[in-house]
Amino acid sequence: SVYYAATEFEARLCQRDPVTVVGGGNSAGQAACF
């Protein structure tokens, strides 16, 4: 359940479920929006 990247693969696994992103840099912001 823990990932260090947010790609299309992870997004499909998590669709329609709540998720948590930890971090305040650009990578975290891009992942949250995606």
PDB file of all heavy atoms in Angstrom:
ATOM      1  N   SER A   1       0.777  -1.236   0.000  1.00  0.00           N
ATOM      2  CA  SER A   1       0.000   0.000   0.000  1.00  0.00           C
ATOM      3  C   SER A   1       0.807   1.283   0.000  1.00  0.00           C
ATOM      4  O   SER A   1       0.224   2.369   0.036  1.00  0.00           O
ATOM      5  CB  SER A   1      -0.929   0.011   1.233  1.00  0.00           C
ATOM      6  OG  SER A   1      -1.685  -1.174   1.340  1.00  0.00           O
ATOM      7  N   VAL A   2       2.128   1.212  -0.015  1.00  0.00           N
ATOM      8  CA  VAL A   2       2.956   2.419   0.037  1.00  0.00           C
ATOM      9  C   VAL A   2       3.737   2.551  -1.266  1.00  0.00           C
ATOM     10  O   VAL A   2       4.361   1.588  -1.722  1.00  0.00           O
ATOM     11  CB  VAL A   2       3.920   2.389   1.238  1.00  0.00           C
ATOM     12  CG1 VAL A   2       4.776   3.654   1.272  1.00  0.00           C
ATOM     13  CG2 VAL A   2       3.140   2.250   2.545  1.00  0.00           C
ATOM     14  N   TYR A   3       3.697   3.747  -1.842  1.00  0.00           N
ATOM     15  CA  TYR A   3       4.333   3.980  -3.138  1.00  0.00           C
ATOM     16  C   TYR A   3       5.263   5.192  -3.063  1.00  0.00           C
ATOM     17  O   TYR A   3       5.072   6.090  -2.240  1.00  0.00           O
ATOM     18  CB  TYR A   3       3.271   4.219  -4.218  1.00  0.00           C
ATOM     19  CG  TYR A   3       2.234   3.126  -4.310  1.00  0.00           C
ATOM     20  CD1 TYR A   3       1.006   3.248  -3.655  1.00  0.00           C
ATOM     21  CD2 TYR A   3       2.481   1.965  -5.037  1.00  0.00           C
ATOM     22  CE1 TYR A   3       0.055   2.233  -3.731  1.00  0.00           C
ATOM     23  CE2 TYR A   3       1.541   0.953  -5.114  1.00  0.00           C
ATOM     24  CZ  TYR A   3       0.318   1.088  -4.460  1.00  0.00           C
ATOM     25  OH  TYR A   3      -0.610   0.095  -4.531  1.00  0.00           O
ATOM     26  N   TYR A   4       6.254   5.189  -3.935  1.00  0.00           N
ATOM     27  CA  TYR A   4       7.204   6.295  -3.983  1.00  0.00           C
ATOM     28  C   TYR A   4       7.154   6.996  -5.343  1.00  0.00           C
ATOM     29  O   TYR A   4       8.069   7.710  -5.719  1.00  0.00           O
ATOM     30  CB  TYR A   4       8.612   5.781  -3.679  1.00  0.00           C
ATOM     31  CG  TYR A   4       8.706   5.230  -2.271  1.00  0.00           C
ATOM     32  CD1 TYR A   4       8.429   3.883  -2.010  1.00  0.00           C
ATOM     33  CD2 TYR A   4       9.016   6.067  -1.206  1.00  0.00           C
ATOM     34  CE1 TYR A   4       8.469   3.386  -0.712  1.00  0.00           C
ATOM     35  CE2 TYR A   4       9.064   5.580   0.093  1.00  0.00           C
ATOM     36  CZ  TYR A   4       8.785   4.237   0.328  1.00  0.00           C
ATOM     37  OH  TYR A   4       8.813   3.754   1.619  1.00  0.00           O
ATOM     38  N   ALA A   5       6.071   6.759  -6.063  1.00  0.00           N
ATOM     39  CA  ALA A   5       5.817   7.407  -7.346  1.00  0.00           C
ATOM     40  C   ALA A   5       4.327   7.332  -7.614  1.00  0.00           C
ATOM     41  O   ALA A   5       3.646   6.439  -7.104  1.00  0.00           O
ATOM     42  CB  ALA A   5       6.594   6.721  -8.466  1.00  0.00           C
ATOM     43  N   ALA A   6       3.834   8.266  -8.410  1.00  0.00           N
ATOM     44  CA  ALA A   6       2.411   8.272  -8.760  1.00  0.00           C
ATOM     45  C   ALA A   6       2.286   8.261 -10.276  1.00  0.00           C
ATOM     46  O   ALA A   6       2.248   9.298 -10.924  1.00  0.00           O
ATOM     47  CB  ALA A   6       1.713   9.499  -8.171  1.00  0.00           C
ATOM     48  N   THR A   7       2.246   7.064 -10.847  1.00  0.00           N
ATOM     49  CA  THR A   7       2.108   6.902 -12.286  1.00  0.00           C
ATOM     50  C   THR A   7       0.697   6.408 -12.599  1.00  0.00           C
ATOM     51  O   THR A   7      -0.121   6.194 -11.709  1.00  0.00           O
ATOM     52  CB  THR A   7       3.142   5.906 -12.825  1.00  0.00           C
ATOM     53  OG1 THR A   7       2.832   4.596 -12.321  1.00  0.00           O
ATOM     54  CG2 THR A   7       4.551   6.288 -12.386  1.00  0.00           C
ATOM     55  N   GLU A   8       0.413   6.205 -13.860  1.00  0.00           N
ATOM     56  CA  GLU A   8      -0.899   5.724 -14.274  1.00  0.00           C
ATOM     57  C   GLU A   8      -1.219   4.377 -13.630  1.00  0.00           C
ATOM     58  O   GLU A   8      -2.377   4.101 -13.277  1.00  0.00           O
ATOM     59  CB  GLU A   8      -0.935   5.600 -15.804  1.00  0.00           C
ATOM     60  CG  GLU A   8      -2.277   5.173 -16.365  1.00  0.00           C
ATOM     61  CD  GLU A   8      -3.371   6.206 -16.142  1.00  0.00           C
ATOM     62  OE1 GLU A   8      -3.049   7.411 -16.047  1.00  0.00           O
ATOM     63  OE2 GLU A   8      -4.555   5.806 -16.040  1.00  0.00           O
ATOM     64  N   PHE A   9      -0.202   3.561 -13.452  1.00  0.00           N
ATOM     65  CA  PHE A   9      -0.411   2.242 -12.853  1.00  0.00           C
ATOM     66  C   PHE A   9      -0.950   2.366 -11.434  1.00  0.00           C
ATOM     67  O   PHE A   9      -1.946   1.730 -11.071  1.00  0.00           O
ATOM     68  CB  PHE A   9       0.905   1.461 -12.846  1.00  0.00           C
ATOM     69  CG  PHE A   9       0.821   0.137 -12.146  1.00  0.00           C
ATOM     70  CD1 PHE A   9       0.197  -0.947 -12.726  1.00  0.00           C
ATOM     71  CD2 PHE A   9       1.377  -0.014 -10.877  1.00  0.00           C
ATOM     72  CE1 PHE A   9       0.120  -2.169 -12.069  1.00  0.00           C
ATOM     73  CE2 PHE A   9       1.297  -1.228 -10.214  1.00  0.00           C
ATOM     74  CZ  PHE A   9       0.668  -2.298 -10.819  1.00  0.00           C
ATOM     75  N   GLU A  10      -0.299   3.199 -10.610  1.00  0.00           N
ATOM     76  CA  GLU A  10      -0.750   3.372  -9.237  1.00  0.00           C
ATOM     77  C   GLU A  10      -2.122   4.046  -9.189  1.00  0.00           C
ATOM     78  O   GLU A  10      -2.957   3.718  -8.346  1.00  0.00           O
ATOM     79  CB  GLU A  10       0.258   4.186  -8.427  1.00  0.00           C
ATOM     80  CG  GLU A  10       1.551   3.469  -8.103  1.00  0.00           C
ATOM     81  CD  GLU A  10       2.568   3.531  -9.227  1.00  0.00           C
ATOM     82  OE1 GLU A  10       2.377   4.371 -10.139  1.00  0.00           O
ATOM     83  OE2 GLU A  10       3.518   2.756  -9.208  1.00  0.00           O
ATOM     84  N   ALA A  11      -2.338   4.993 -10.089  1.00  0.00           N
ATOM     85  CA  ALA A  11      -3.621   5.696 -10.100  1.00  0.00           C
ATOM     86  C   ALA A  11      -4.774   4.737 -10.369  1.00  0.00           C
ATOM     87  O   ALA A  11      -5.848   4.849  -9.761  1.00  0.00           O
ATOM     88  CB  ALA A  11      -3.597   6.810 -11.145  1.00  0.00           C
ATOM     89  N   ARG A  12      -4.576   3.784 -11.246  1.00  0.00           N
ATOM     90  CA  ARG A  12      -5.631   2.812 -11.545  1.00  0.00           C
ATOM     91  C   ARG A  12      -5.918   1.924 -10.347  1.00  0.00           C
ATOM     92  O   ARG A  12      -7.065   1.549 -10.095  1.00  0.00           O
ATOM     93  CB  ARG A  12      -5.230   1.961 -12.751  1.00  0.00           C
ATOM     94  CG  ARG A  12      -5.254   2.718 -14.076  1.00  0.00           C
ATOM     95  CD  ARG A  12      -4.782   1.822 -15.209  1.00  0.00           C
ATOM     96  NE  ARG A  12      -4.798   2.535 -16.481  1.00  0.00           N
ATOM     97  CZ  ARG A  12      -4.350   2.037 -17.614  1.00  0.00           C
ATOM     98  NH1 ARG A  12      -3.836   0.803 -17.641  1.00  0.00           N
ATOM     99  NH2 ARG A  12      -4.391   2.750 -18.733  1.00  0.00           N
ATOM    100  N   LEU A  13      -4.871   1.589  -9.602  1.00  0.00           N
ATOM    101  CA  LEU A  13      -5.057   0.756  -8.427  1.00  0.00           C
ATOM    102  C   LEU A  13      -5.865   1.469  -7.344  1.00  0.00           C
ATOM    103  O   LEU A  13      -6.563   0.833  -6.551  1.00  0.00           O
ATOM    104  CB  LEU A  13      -3.692   0.341  -7.849  1.00  0.00           C
ATOM    105  CG  LEU A  13      -2.834  -0.611  -8.681  1.00  0.00           C
ATOM    106  CD1 LEU A  13      -1.504  -0.840  -7.994  1.00  0.00           C
ATOM    107  CD2 LEU A  13      -3.555  -1.938  -8.905  1.00  0.00           C
ATOM    108  N   CYS A  14      -5.761   2.796  -7.323  1.00  0.00           N
ATOM    109  CA  CYS A  14      -6.355   3.568  -6.233  1.00  0.00           C
ATOM    110  C   CYS A  14      -7.631   4.306  -6.628  1.00  0.00           C
ATOM    111  O   CYS A  14      -8.145   5.101  -5.835  1.00  0.00           O
ATOM    112  CB  CYS A  14      -5.340   4.583  -5.713  1.00  0.00           C
ATOM    113  SG  CYS A  14      -3.787   3.863  -5.165  1.00  0.00           S
ATOM    114  N   GLN A  15      -8.116   4.111  -7.835  1.00  0.00           N
ATOM    115  CA  GLN A  15      -9.272   4.884  -8.269  1.00  0.00           C
ATOM    116  C   GLN A  15     -10.501   4.598  -7.404  1.00  0.00           C
ATOM    117  O   GLN A  15     -10.713   3.488  -6.951  1.00  0.00           O
ATOM    118  CB  GLN A  15      -9.584   4.606  -9.729  1.00  0.00           C
ATOM    119  CG  GLN A  15      -9.936   3.183 -10.083  1.00  0.00           C
ATOM    120  CD  GLN A  15     -10.148   3.021 -11.579  1.00  0.00           C
ATOM    121  OE1 GLN A  15     -10.162   3.988 -12.312  1.00  0.00           O
ATOM    122  NE2 GLN A  15     -10.312   1.777 -12.021  1.00  0.00           N
ATOM    123  N   ARG A  16     -11.245   5.676  -7.133  1.00  0.00           N
ATOM    124  CA  ARG A  16     -12.468   5.657  -6.320  1.00  0.00           C
ATOM    125  C   ARG A  16     -12.200   5.395  -4.840  1.00  0.00           C
ATOM    126  O   ARG A  16     -13.122   5.149  -4.069  1.00  0.00           O
ATOM    127  CB  ARG A  16     -13.479   4.648  -6.874  1.00  0.00           C
ATOM    128  CG  ARG A  16     -14.001   5.018  -8.260  1.00  0.00           C
ATOM    129  CD  ARG A  16     -15.138   4.108  -8.671  1.00  0.00           C
ATOM    130  NE  ARG A  16     -14.714   2.729  -8.837  1.00  0.00           N
ATOM    131  CZ  ARG A  16     -14.154   2.263  -9.961  1.00  0.00           C
ATOM    132  NH1 ARG A  16     -13.980   3.061 -11.001  1.00  0.00           N
ATOM    133  NH2 ARG A  16     -13.803   0.997 -10.057  1.00  0.00           N
ATOM    134  N   ASP A  17     -10.924   5.439  -4.430  1.00  0.00           N
ATOM    135  CA  ASP A  17     -10.582   5.253  -3.017  1.00  0.00           C
ATOM    136  C   ASP A  17      -9.810   6.473  -2.501  1.00  0.00           C
ATOM    137  O   ASP A  17      -9.085   7.121  -3.267  1.00  0.00           O
ATOM    138  CB  ASP A  17      -9.710   4.005  -2.826  1.00  0.00           C
ATOM    139  CG  ASP A  17     -10.463   2.719  -3.134  1.00  0.00           C
ATOM    140  OD1 ASP A  17     -11.651   2.657  -2.782  1.00  0.00           O
ATOM    141  OD2 ASP A  17      -9.856   1.810  -3.723  1.00  0.00           O
ATOM    142  N   PRO A  18      -9.925   6.792  -1.218  1.00  0.00           N
ATOM    143  CA  PRO A  18      -9.141   7.900  -0.657  1.00  0.00           C
ATOM    144  C   PRO A  18      -7.667   7.530  -0.556  1.00  0.00           C
ATOM    145  O   PRO A  18      -7.323   6.380  -0.243  1.00  0.00           O
ATOM    146  CB  PRO A  18      -9.763   8.102   0.722  1.00  0.00           C
ATOM    147  CG  PRO A  18     -10.323   6.755   1.078  1.00  0.00           C
ATOM    148  CD  PRO A  18     -10.807   6.165  -0.218  1.00  0.00           C
ATOM    149  N   VAL A  19      -6.796   8.476  -0.825  1.00  0.00           N
ATOM    150  CA  VAL A  19      -5.354   8.228  -0.767  1.00  0.00           C
ATOM    151  C   VAL A  19      -4.689   9.367   0.006  1.00  0.00           C
ATOM    152  O   VAL A  19      -5.279  10.428   0.218  1.00  0.00           O
ATOM    153  CB  VAL A  19      -4.735   8.113  -2.179  1.00  0.00           C
ATOM    154  CG1 VAL A  19      -5.374   6.981  -2.955  1.00  0.00           C
ATOM    155  CG2 VAL A  19      -4.864   9.424  -2.941  1.00  0.00           C
ATOM    156  N   THR A  20      -3.444   9.135   0.408  1.00  0.00           N
ATOM    157  CA  THR A  20      -2.674  10.132   1.146  1.00  0.00           C
ATOM    158  C   THR A  20      -1.343  10.351   0.453  1.00  0.00           C
ATOM    159  O   THR A  20      -0.661   9.389   0.082  1.00  0.00           O
ATOM    160  CB  THR A  20      -2.434   9.675   2.598  1.00  0.00           C
ATOM    161  OG1 THR A  20      -3.690   9.581   3.270  1.00  0.00           O
ATOM    162  CG2 THR A  20      -1.547  10.673   3.337  1.00  0.00           C
ATOM    163  N   VAL A  21      -0.990  11.617   0.265  1.00  0.00           N
ATOM    164  CA  VAL A  21       0.302  11.995  -0.307  1.00  0.00           C
ATOM    165  C   VAL A  21       1.086  12.740   0.764  1.00  0.00           C
ATOM    166  O   VAL A  21       0.571  13.701   1.363  1.00  0.00           O
ATOM    167  CB  VAL A  21       0.130  12.885  -1.553  1.00  0.00           C
ATOM    168  CG1 VAL A  21       1.498  13.328  -2.088  1.00  0.00           C
ATOM    169  CG2 VAL A  21      -0.653  12.151  -2.635  1.00  0.00           C
ATOM    170  N   VAL A  22       2.315  12.317   1.013  1.00  0.00           N
ATOM    171  CA  VAL A  22       3.160  12.945   2.016  1.00  0.00           C
ATOM    172  C   VAL A  22       4.282  13.699   1.326  1.00  0.00           C
ATOM    173  O   VAL A  22       5.054  13.115   0.564  1.00  0.00           O
ATOM    174  CB  VAL A  22       3.749  11.896   2.984  1.00  0.00           C
ATOM    175  CG1 VAL A  22       4.570  12.582   4.069  1.00  0.00           C
ATOM    176  CG2 VAL A  22       2.639  11.057   3.602  1.00  0.00           C
ATOM    177  N   GLY A  23       4.377  15.004   1.562  1.00  0.00           N
ATOM    178  CA  GLY A  23       5.434  15.806   0.963  1.00  0.00           C
ATOM    179  C   GLY A  23       4.930  17.165   0.520  1.00  0.00           C
ATOM    180  O   GLY A  23       3.741  17.325   0.218  1.00  0.00           O
ATOM    181  N   GLY A  24       5.826  18.139   0.467  1.00  0.00           N
ATOM    182  CA  GLY A  24       5.423  19.488   0.101  1.00  0.00           C
ATOM    183  C   GLY A  24       6.132  20.048  -1.105  1.00  0.00           C
ATOM    184  O   GLY A  24       6.014  21.235  -1.409  1.00  0.00           O
ATOM    185  N   GLY A  25       6.870  19.212  -1.842  1.00  0.00           N
ATOM    186  CA  GLY A  25       7.578  19.677  -3.024  1.00  0.00           C
ATOM    187  C   GLY A  25       6.770  19.488  -4.296  1.00  0.00           C
ATOM    188  O   GLY A  25       5.602  19.083  -4.269  1.00  0.00           O
ATOM    189  N   ASN A  26       7.403  19.768  -5.437  1.00  0.00           N
ATOM    190  CA  ASN A  26       6.710  19.650  -6.722  1.00  0.00           C
ATOM    191  C   ASN A  26       6.245  18.230  -7.013  1.00  0.00           C
ATOM    192  O   ASN A  26       5.164  18.027  -7.557  1.00  0.00           O
ATOM    193  CB  ASN A  26       7.626  20.140  -7.848  1.00  0.00           C
ATOM    194  CG  ASN A  26       7.547  21.641  -8.035  1.00  0.00           C
ATOM    195  OD1 ASN A  26       6.939  22.343  -7.234  1.00  0.00           O
ATOM    196  ND2 ASN A  26       8.158  22.138  -9.081  1.00  0.00           N
ATOM    197  N   SER A  27       7.049  17.247  -6.651  1.00  0.00           N
ATOM    198  CA  SER A  27       6.663  15.859  -6.918  1.00  0.00           C
ATOM    199  C   SER A  27       5.381  15.508  -6.181  1.00  0.00           C
ATOM    200  O   SER A  27       4.493  14.851  -6.729  1.00  0.00           O
ATOM    201  CB  SER A  27       7.780  14.900  -6.509  1.00  0.00           C
ATOM    202  OG  SER A  27       8.932  15.092  -7.301  1.00  0.00           O
ATOM    203  N   ALA A  28       5.267  15.965  -4.936  1.00  0.00           N
ATOM    204  CA  ALA A  28       4.065  15.695  -4.155  1.00  0.00           C
ATOM    205  C   ALA A  28       2.868  16.433  -4.736  1.00  0.00           C
ATOM    206  O   ALA A  28       1.762  15.888  -4.817  1.00  0.00           O
ATOM    207  CB  ALA A  28       4.285  16.099  -2.698  1.00  0.00           C
ATOM    208  N   GLY A  29       3.072  17.680  -5.144  1.00  0.00           N
ATOM    209  CA  GLY A  29       1.976  18.446  -5.732  1.00  0.00           C
ATOM    210  C   GLY A  29       1.484  17.841  -7.036  1.00  0.00           C
ATOM    211  O   GLY A  29       0.272  17.756  -7.278  1.00  0.00           O
ATOM    212  N   GLN A  30       2.416  17.409  -7.885  1.00  0.00           N
ATOM    213  CA  GLN A  30       2.041  16.775  -9.141  1.00  0.00           C
ATOM    214  C   GLN A  30       1.286  15.482  -8.880  1.00  0.00           C
ATOM    215  O   GLN A  30       0.287  15.176  -9.543  1.00  0.00           O
ATOM    216  CB  GLN A  30       3.298  16.502  -9.973  1.00  0.00           C
ATOM    217  CG  GLN A  30       3.960  17.755 -10.517  1.00  0.00           C
ATOM    218  CD  GLN A  30       5.352  17.486 -11.052  1.00  0.00           C
ATOM    219  OE1 GLN A  30       5.894  16.395 -10.893  1.00  0.00           O
ATOM    220  NE2 GLN A  30       5.939  18.491 -11.664  1.00  0.00           N
ATOM    221  N   ALA A  31       1.755  14.711  -7.901  1.00  0.00           N
ATOM    222  CA  ALA A  31       1.087  13.451  -7.577  1.00  0.00           C
ATOM    223  C   ALA A  31      -0.324  13.702  -7.061  1.00  0.00           C
ATOM    224  O   ALA A  31      -1.265  13.003  -7.440  1.00  0.00           O
ATOM    225  CB  ALA A  31       1.909  12.691  -6.539  1.00  0.00           C
ATOM    226  N   ALA A  32      -0.492  14.698  -6.199  1.00  0.00           N
ATOM    227  CA  ALA A  32      -1.807  14.992  -5.638  1.00  0.00           C
ATOM    228  C   ALA A  32      -2.792  15.381  -6.733  1.00  0.00           C
ATOM    229  O   ALA A  32      -3.939  14.894  -6.768  1.00  0.00           O
ATOM    230  CB  ALA A  32      -1.694  16.101  -4.599  1.00  0.00           C
ATOM    231  N   CYS A  33      -2.367  16.242  -7.643  1.00  0.00           N
ATOM    232  CA  CYS A  33      -3.246  16.669  -8.733  1.00  0.00           C
ATOM    233  C   CYS A  33      -3.588  15.500  -9.652  1.00  0.00           C
ATOM    234  O   CYS A  33      -4.731  15.359 -10.108  1.00  0.00           O
ATOM    235  CB  CYS A  33      -2.590  17.800  -9.523  1.00  0.00           C
ATOM    236  SG  CYS A  33      -2.478  19.365  -8.637  1.00  0.00           S
ATOM    237  N   PHE A  34      -2.613  14.674  -9.928  1.00  0.00           N
ATOM    238  CA  PHE A  34      -2.827  13.533 -10.816  1.00  0.00           C
ATOM    239  C   PHE A  34      -3.786  12.528 -10.189  1.00  0.00           C
ATOM    240  O   PHE A  34      -4.727  12.049 -10.836  1.00  0.00           O
ATOM    241  CB  PHE A  34      -1.486  12.874 -11.120  1.00  0.00           C
ATOM    242  CG  PHE A  34      -1.581  11.678 -12.016  1.00  0.00           C
ATOM    243  CD1 PHE A  34      -1.970  11.801 -13.342  1.00  0.00           C
ATOM    244  CD2 PHE A  34      -1.280  10.417 -11.538  1.00  0.00           C
ATOM    245  CE1 PHE A  34      -2.062  10.693 -14.167  1.00  0.00           C
ATOM    246  CE2 PHE A  34      -1.359   9.306 -12.348  1.00  0.00           C
ATOM    247  CZ  PHE A  34      -1.754   9.443 -13.671  1.00  0.00           C
TER     248      PHE A  34
END
